[in-house]
N, C-alpha and C. Protein backbone atom coordinates (compact mmCIF):
# COMPACT_ATOMS: atom_id res chain seq x y z
N UNK A 1 -36.48 3.72 19.19
CA UNK A 1 -36.14 2.32 19.44
C UNK A 1 -34.83 2.01 18.72
N UNK A 2 -33.86 1.57 19.47
CA UNK A 2 -32.55 1.27 18.93
C UNK A 2 -32.30 -0.23 19.02
N UNK A 3 -31.68 -0.77 17.99
CA UNK A 3 -31.31 -2.17 18.01
C UNK A 3 -29.84 -2.29 18.42
N UNK A 4 -29.60 -3.21 19.33
CA UNK A 4 -28.24 -3.50 19.75
C UNK A 4 -27.94 -4.96 19.46
N UNK A 5 -26.66 -5.31 19.52
CA UNK A 5 -26.23 -6.65 19.14
C UNK A 5 -25.26 -7.21 20.17
N UNK A 6 -25.20 -8.54 20.23
CA UNK A 6 -24.21 -9.19 21.09
C UNK A 6 -23.14 -9.86 20.23
N UNK A 7 -22.05 -10.19 20.83
CA UNK A 7 -20.99 -10.89 20.11
C UNK A 7 -21.39 -12.34 19.84
N UNK A 8 -22.48 -12.80 20.48
CA UNK A 8 -23.00 -14.15 20.23
C UNK A 8 -24.05 -14.15 19.12
N UNK A 9 -24.19 -13.03 18.42
CA UNK A 9 -25.06 -12.90 17.24
C UNK A 9 -26.55 -12.89 17.56
N UNK A 10 -26.89 -12.23 18.68
CA UNK A 10 -28.28 -11.94 18.96
C UNK A 10 -28.50 -10.44 18.76
N UNK A 11 -29.70 -10.07 18.38
CA UNK A 11 -30.09 -8.66 18.32
C UNK A 11 -31.13 -8.43 19.41
N UNK A 12 -31.29 -7.17 19.82
CA UNK A 12 -32.26 -6.83 20.86
C UNK A 12 -32.75 -5.40 20.65
N UNK A 13 -34.05 -5.21 20.79
CA UNK A 13 -34.62 -3.86 20.79
C UNK A 13 -35.43 -3.72 22.07
N UNK A 14 -35.52 -2.49 22.56
CA UNK A 14 -36.20 -2.25 23.83
C UNK A 14 -37.28 -1.19 23.64
N UNK A 15 -38.47 -1.48 24.17
CA UNK A 15 -39.56 -0.52 24.23
C UNK A 15 -40.03 -0.50 25.67
N UNK A 16 -39.84 0.61 26.35
CA UNK A 16 -40.17 0.68 27.78
C UNK A 16 -39.26 -0.25 28.54
N UNK A 17 -39.87 -1.19 29.30
CA UNK A 17 -39.04 -2.14 30.05
C UNK A 17 -39.11 -3.54 29.45
N UNK A 18 -39.59 -3.64 28.20
CA UNK A 18 -39.67 -4.94 27.52
C UNK A 18 -38.73 -4.95 26.32
N UNK A 19 -37.92 -5.98 26.26
CA UNK A 19 -36.97 -6.15 25.16
C UNK A 19 -37.39 -7.33 24.30
N UNK A 20 -37.21 -7.19 23.00
CA UNK A 20 -37.47 -8.26 22.05
C UNK A 20 -36.13 -8.68 21.48
N UNK A 21 -35.90 -10.01 21.38
CA UNK A 21 -34.63 -10.43 20.79
C UNK A 21 -34.78 -11.69 19.94
N UNK A 22 -33.75 -11.92 19.16
CA UNK A 22 -33.67 -13.08 18.28
C UNK A 22 -32.25 -13.19 17.76
N UNK A 23 -32.05 -14.02 16.74
CA UNK A 23 -30.71 -14.14 16.17
C UNK A 23 -30.58 -13.21 14.98
N UNK A 24 -29.35 -12.85 14.68
CA UNK A 24 -29.10 -11.89 13.61
C UNK A 24 -29.18 -12.57 12.24
N UNK A 25 -29.22 -11.74 11.23
CA UNK A 25 -29.22 -12.24 9.86
C UNK A 25 -27.95 -13.04 9.59
N UNK A 26 -26.83 -12.56 10.12
CA UNK A 26 -25.56 -13.28 9.95
C UNK A 26 -25.66 -14.68 10.57
N UNK A 27 -26.24 -14.77 11.76
CA UNK A 27 -26.35 -16.07 12.44
C UNK A 27 -27.23 -17.03 11.64
N UNK A 28 -28.36 -16.55 11.14
CA UNK A 28 -29.24 -17.45 10.38
C UNK A 28 -28.57 -17.89 9.08
N UNK A 29 -27.75 -17.01 8.48
CA UNK A 29 -27.03 -17.41 7.27
C UNK A 29 -26.03 -18.51 7.57
N UNK A 30 -25.34 -18.38 8.71
CA UNK A 30 -24.34 -19.38 9.10
C UNK A 30 -25.00 -20.73 9.41
N UNK A 31 -26.19 -20.70 10.02
CA UNK A 31 -26.88 -21.93 10.39
C UNK A 31 -27.50 -22.64 9.19
N UNK A 32 -27.96 -21.88 8.23
CA UNK A 32 -28.69 -22.47 7.11
C UNK A 32 -30.16 -22.59 7.45
N UNK A 33 -30.89 -23.34 6.67
CA UNK A 33 -32.34 -23.44 6.84
C UNK A 33 -32.71 -24.05 8.18
N UNK A 34 -33.45 -23.28 8.98
CA UNK A 34 -33.88 -23.77 10.29
C UNK A 34 -35.04 -24.73 10.14
N UNK A 35 -34.99 -25.81 10.93
CA UNK A 35 -36.04 -26.83 10.88
C UNK A 35 -36.79 -26.93 12.21
N UNK A 36 -36.25 -26.30 13.27
CA UNK A 36 -36.89 -26.37 14.58
C UNK A 36 -36.38 -25.23 15.46
N UNK A 37 -37.29 -24.65 16.21
CA UNK A 37 -36.93 -23.61 17.18
C UNK A 37 -37.60 -23.96 18.49
N UNK A 38 -36.83 -24.05 19.57
CA UNK A 38 -37.36 -24.30 20.91
C UNK A 38 -37.23 -23.02 21.71
N UNK A 39 -38.34 -22.52 22.19
CA UNK A 39 -38.36 -21.25 22.92
C UNK A 39 -38.67 -21.50 24.39
N UNK A 40 -38.30 -20.58 25.27
CA UNK A 40 -38.58 -20.75 26.70
C UNK A 40 -40.08 -20.57 26.99
N UNK A 41 -40.50 -20.99 28.16
CA UNK A 41 -41.88 -20.82 28.59
C UNK A 41 -42.11 -19.38 29.05
N UNK A 42 -43.29 -18.87 28.79
CA UNK A 42 -43.66 -17.57 29.34
C UNK A 42 -43.61 -17.67 30.86
N UNK A 43 -43.01 -16.69 31.48
CA UNK A 43 -42.85 -16.69 32.93
C UNK A 43 -41.48 -17.16 33.38
N UNK A 44 -40.73 -17.78 32.47
CA UNK A 44 -39.38 -18.25 32.82
C UNK A 44 -38.48 -17.06 33.12
N UNK A 45 -37.55 -17.26 34.03
CA UNK A 45 -36.55 -16.24 34.34
C UNK A 45 -35.27 -16.58 33.56
N UNK A 46 -34.79 -15.63 32.80
CA UNK A 46 -33.55 -15.83 32.04
C UNK A 46 -32.45 -14.96 32.64
N UNK A 47 -31.25 -15.50 32.61
CA UNK A 47 -30.09 -14.75 33.08
C UNK A 47 -29.25 -14.36 31.87
N UNK A 48 -28.72 -13.16 31.89
CA UNK A 48 -27.89 -12.68 30.79
C UNK A 48 -26.78 -13.70 30.52
N UNK A 49 -26.67 -14.09 29.26
CA UNK A 49 -25.65 -15.05 28.86
C UNK A 49 -26.06 -16.50 29.02
N UNK A 50 -27.21 -16.73 29.67
CA UNK A 50 -27.69 -18.09 29.85
C UNK A 50 -28.48 -18.57 28.65
N UNK A 51 -28.77 -19.86 28.61
CA UNK A 51 -29.53 -20.43 27.52
C UNK A 51 -30.94 -19.85 27.49
N UNK A 52 -31.36 -19.42 26.31
CA UNK A 52 -32.71 -18.87 26.16
C UNK A 52 -33.54 -19.70 25.19
N UNK A 53 -32.91 -20.23 24.16
CA UNK A 53 -33.63 -20.97 23.13
C UNK A 53 -32.64 -21.89 22.42
N UNK A 54 -33.19 -22.78 21.61
CA UNK A 54 -32.37 -23.67 20.79
C UNK A 54 -32.90 -23.58 19.36
N UNK A 55 -31.99 -23.47 18.42
CA UNK A 55 -32.37 -23.50 17.01
C UNK A 55 -31.66 -24.68 16.36
N UNK A 56 -32.41 -25.41 15.54
CA UNK A 56 -31.83 -26.53 14.80
C UNK A 56 -31.99 -26.26 13.32
N UNK A 57 -30.89 -26.47 12.61
CA UNK A 57 -30.93 -26.27 11.17
C UNK A 57 -30.55 -27.57 10.49
N UNK A 58 -30.53 -27.54 9.19
CA UNK A 58 -30.11 -28.71 8.44
C UNK A 58 -28.63 -29.00 8.70
N UNK A 59 -27.89 -28.02 9.22
CA UNK A 59 -26.46 -28.18 9.48
C UNK A 59 -26.14 -28.56 10.92
N UNK A 60 -26.84 -27.93 11.89
CA UNK A 60 -26.47 -28.12 13.29
C UNK A 60 -27.54 -27.56 14.22
N UNK A 61 -27.38 -27.87 15.50
CA UNK A 61 -28.22 -27.25 16.54
C UNK A 61 -27.35 -26.23 17.27
N UNK A 62 -27.97 -25.16 17.71
CA UNK A 62 -27.21 -24.11 18.37
C UNK A 62 -28.05 -23.47 19.46
N UNK A 63 -27.40 -23.11 20.57
CA UNK A 63 -28.09 -22.39 21.64
C UNK A 63 -28.19 -20.92 21.28
N UNK A 64 -29.26 -20.31 21.74
CA UNK A 64 -29.42 -18.86 21.65
C UNK A 64 -29.35 -18.35 23.08
N UNK A 65 -28.47 -17.40 23.33
CA UNK A 65 -28.25 -16.91 24.68
C UNK A 65 -29.06 -15.66 24.95
N UNK A 66 -29.51 -15.53 26.19
CA UNK A 66 -30.27 -14.34 26.59
C UNK A 66 -29.32 -13.14 26.60
N UNK A 67 -29.63 -12.10 25.85
CA UNK A 67 -28.76 -10.92 25.86
C UNK A 67 -28.90 -10.09 27.13
N UNK A 68 -30.00 -10.28 27.85
CA UNK A 68 -30.24 -9.57 29.11
C UNK A 68 -30.97 -10.51 30.07
N UNK A 69 -31.04 -10.11 31.32
CA UNK A 69 -31.77 -10.89 32.33
C UNK A 69 -33.19 -10.38 32.46
N UNK A 70 -34.10 -11.30 32.82
CA UNK A 70 -35.46 -10.88 33.07
C UNK A 70 -36.45 -12.02 32.90
N UNK A 71 -37.73 -11.66 32.94
CA UNK A 71 -38.81 -12.63 32.84
C UNK A 71 -39.38 -12.67 31.42
N UNK A 72 -39.53 -13.86 30.89
CA UNK A 72 -40.13 -14.03 29.57
C UNK A 72 -41.60 -13.65 29.65
N UNK A 73 -42.01 -12.67 28.83
CA UNK A 73 -43.40 -12.23 28.85
C UNK A 73 -44.15 -12.69 27.59
N UNK A 74 -43.42 -13.07 26.55
CA UNK A 74 -44.06 -13.54 25.32
C UNK A 74 -43.02 -14.26 24.47
N UNK A 75 -43.48 -15.29 23.76
CA UNK A 75 -42.61 -15.94 22.78
C UNK A 75 -43.32 -15.93 21.43
N UNK A 76 -42.55 -16.06 20.39
CA UNK A 76 -43.11 -16.01 19.04
C UNK A 76 -43.63 -17.38 18.66
N UNK A 77 -44.89 -17.64 19.00
CA UNK A 77 -45.49 -18.95 18.76
C UNK A 77 -45.62 -19.25 17.27
N UNK A 78 -45.53 -18.25 16.43
CA UNK A 78 -45.60 -18.46 14.98
C UNK A 78 -44.43 -19.30 14.49
N UNK A 79 -43.37 -19.38 15.29
CA UNK A 79 -42.19 -20.16 14.88
C UNK A 79 -42.40 -21.65 15.09
N UNK A 80 -43.43 -22.03 15.88
CA UNK A 80 -43.67 -23.45 16.15
C UNK A 80 -43.79 -24.27 14.87
N UNK A 81 -44.58 -23.81 13.96
CA UNK A 81 -44.78 -24.56 12.73
C UNK A 81 -44.00 -24.02 11.55
N UNK A 82 -43.41 -22.85 11.75
CA UNK A 82 -42.70 -22.21 10.65
C UNK A 82 -41.37 -21.61 11.10
N UNK A 83 -40.42 -22.47 11.49
CA UNK A 83 -39.12 -21.94 11.91
C UNK A 83 -38.40 -21.19 10.78
N UNK A 84 -38.81 -21.42 9.55
CA UNK A 84 -38.21 -20.75 8.40
C UNK A 84 -38.39 -19.23 8.48
N UNK A 85 -39.37 -18.77 9.29
CA UNK A 85 -39.57 -17.33 9.46
C UNK A 85 -38.30 -16.66 9.97
N UNK A 86 -37.51 -17.39 10.76
CA UNK A 86 -36.25 -16.83 11.26
C UNK A 86 -35.30 -16.59 10.09
N UNK A 87 -35.27 -17.51 9.14
CA UNK A 87 -34.42 -17.33 7.97
C UNK A 87 -34.92 -16.18 7.09
N UNK A 88 -36.22 -16.09 6.97
CA UNK A 88 -36.81 -15.11 6.07
C UNK A 88 -36.72 -13.68 6.59
N UNK A 89 -36.89 -13.50 7.91
CA UNK A 89 -36.92 -12.16 8.48
C UNK A 89 -36.44 -12.22 9.93
N UNK A 90 -35.14 -12.49 10.16
CA UNK A 90 -34.65 -12.73 11.52
C UNK A 90 -34.83 -11.56 12.47
N UNK A 91 -34.82 -10.34 11.97
CA UNK A 91 -34.95 -9.19 12.85
C UNK A 91 -36.34 -8.55 12.73
N UNK A 92 -37.29 -9.30 12.19
CA UNK A 92 -38.67 -8.83 12.07
C UNK A 92 -39.60 -9.92 12.56
N UNK A 93 -40.33 -10.57 11.63
CA UNK A 93 -41.30 -11.59 12.02
C UNK A 93 -40.64 -12.84 12.61
N UNK A 94 -39.33 -12.94 12.51
CA UNK A 94 -38.60 -14.07 13.08
C UNK A 94 -38.07 -13.82 14.48
N UNK A 95 -38.60 -12.78 15.15
CA UNK A 95 -38.19 -12.54 16.54
C UNK A 95 -38.52 -13.77 17.38
N UNK A 96 -37.83 -13.91 18.51
CA UNK A 96 -38.02 -15.13 19.31
C UNK A 96 -38.69 -14.90 20.67
N UNK A 97 -38.16 -13.95 21.44
CA UNK A 97 -38.59 -13.81 22.84
C UNK A 97 -38.76 -12.34 23.20
N UNK A 98 -39.79 -12.06 24.00
CA UNK A 98 -39.94 -10.76 24.65
C UNK A 98 -39.70 -10.98 26.14
N UNK A 99 -38.88 -10.12 26.70
CA UNK A 99 -38.47 -10.29 28.08
C UNK A 99 -38.60 -8.97 28.83
N UNK A 100 -39.12 -9.04 30.06
CA UNK A 100 -39.19 -7.84 30.90
C UNK A 100 -37.84 -7.68 31.57
N UNK A 101 -37.20 -6.56 31.29
CA UNK A 101 -35.85 -6.33 31.80
C UNK A 101 -35.81 -6.29 33.33
N UNK A 102 -34.85 -6.97 33.90
CA UNK A 102 -34.65 -6.86 35.35
C UNK A 102 -33.52 -5.88 35.67
N UNK A 103 -32.68 -5.58 34.68
CA UNK A 103 -31.57 -4.65 34.90
C UNK A 103 -31.19 -4.00 33.57
N UNK A 104 -31.77 -2.83 33.31
CA UNK A 104 -31.55 -2.15 32.03
C UNK A 104 -30.09 -1.80 31.80
N UNK A 105 -29.30 -1.74 32.86
CA UNK A 105 -27.88 -1.40 32.68
C UNK A 105 -27.14 -2.50 31.91
N UNK A 106 -27.74 -3.70 31.81
CA UNK A 106 -27.11 -4.77 31.04
C UNK A 106 -27.03 -4.44 29.56
N UNK A 107 -27.82 -3.46 29.13
CA UNK A 107 -27.78 -3.04 27.72
C UNK A 107 -26.51 -2.24 27.42
N UNK A 108 -25.93 -1.66 28.46
CA UNK A 108 -24.72 -0.87 28.27
C UNK A 108 -23.60 -1.78 27.77
N UNK A 109 -22.87 -1.29 26.84
CA UNK A 109 -21.73 -2.05 26.36
C UNK A 109 -22.05 -3.01 25.23
N UNK A 110 -23.34 -3.14 24.88
CA UNK A 110 -23.67 -3.97 23.72
C UNK A 110 -23.24 -3.24 22.45
N UNK A 111 -23.15 -3.98 21.38
CA UNK A 111 -22.66 -3.43 20.12
C UNK A 111 -23.77 -2.67 19.40
N UNK A 112 -23.39 -1.55 18.76
CA UNK A 112 -24.34 -0.91 17.85
C UNK A 112 -24.17 -1.55 16.47
N UNK A 113 -24.98 -1.13 15.52
CA UNK A 113 -24.98 -1.77 14.20
C UNK A 113 -23.60 -1.70 13.54
N UNK A 114 -22.93 -0.55 13.63
CA UNK A 114 -21.61 -0.41 13.01
C UNK A 114 -20.59 -1.36 13.65
N UNK A 115 -20.60 -1.41 14.98
CA UNK A 115 -19.65 -2.29 15.67
C UNK A 115 -19.93 -3.76 15.34
N UNK A 116 -21.21 -4.12 15.26
CA UNK A 116 -21.55 -5.50 14.92
C UNK A 116 -21.13 -5.82 13.48
N UNK A 117 -21.33 -4.87 12.58
CA UNK A 117 -20.91 -5.08 11.18
C UNK A 117 -19.41 -5.31 11.10
N UNK A 118 -18.65 -4.59 11.89
CA UNK A 118 -17.19 -4.79 11.91
C UNK A 118 -16.86 -6.17 12.47
N UNK A 119 -17.60 -6.60 13.49
CA UNK A 119 -17.35 -7.90 14.12
C UNK A 119 -17.50 -9.05 13.12
N UNK A 120 -18.55 -8.96 12.30
CA UNK A 120 -18.79 -10.07 11.37
C UNK A 120 -18.05 -9.90 10.05
N UNK A 121 -17.41 -8.72 9.91
CA UNK A 121 -16.57 -8.50 8.73
C UNK A 121 -17.36 -8.26 7.52
């Protein structure tokens, strides 16, 4: 299982034809303490680069973009009452959405960890 990154500061891992994604540690640091997370409905169709979720922090609200296209198969309902989980473990228990890939080739060209580290400096 390999983790890839987008230039919009989302991470994604893939197991079979299901991908899990959320925001990166860098993104949660920039946002500050999250106070609300709005996730898509299970069954929703997401398009790569389209709105997938909204996160609100003490500083600002920000859209989270879908790193790939597909159908939402699960959302992290634990974030409903505890959005702080994203701050505490953004690439673990703070995951946001699981999506069934509609086009695995969309993963091509995403950043690996080294390239993402260079992007954020």
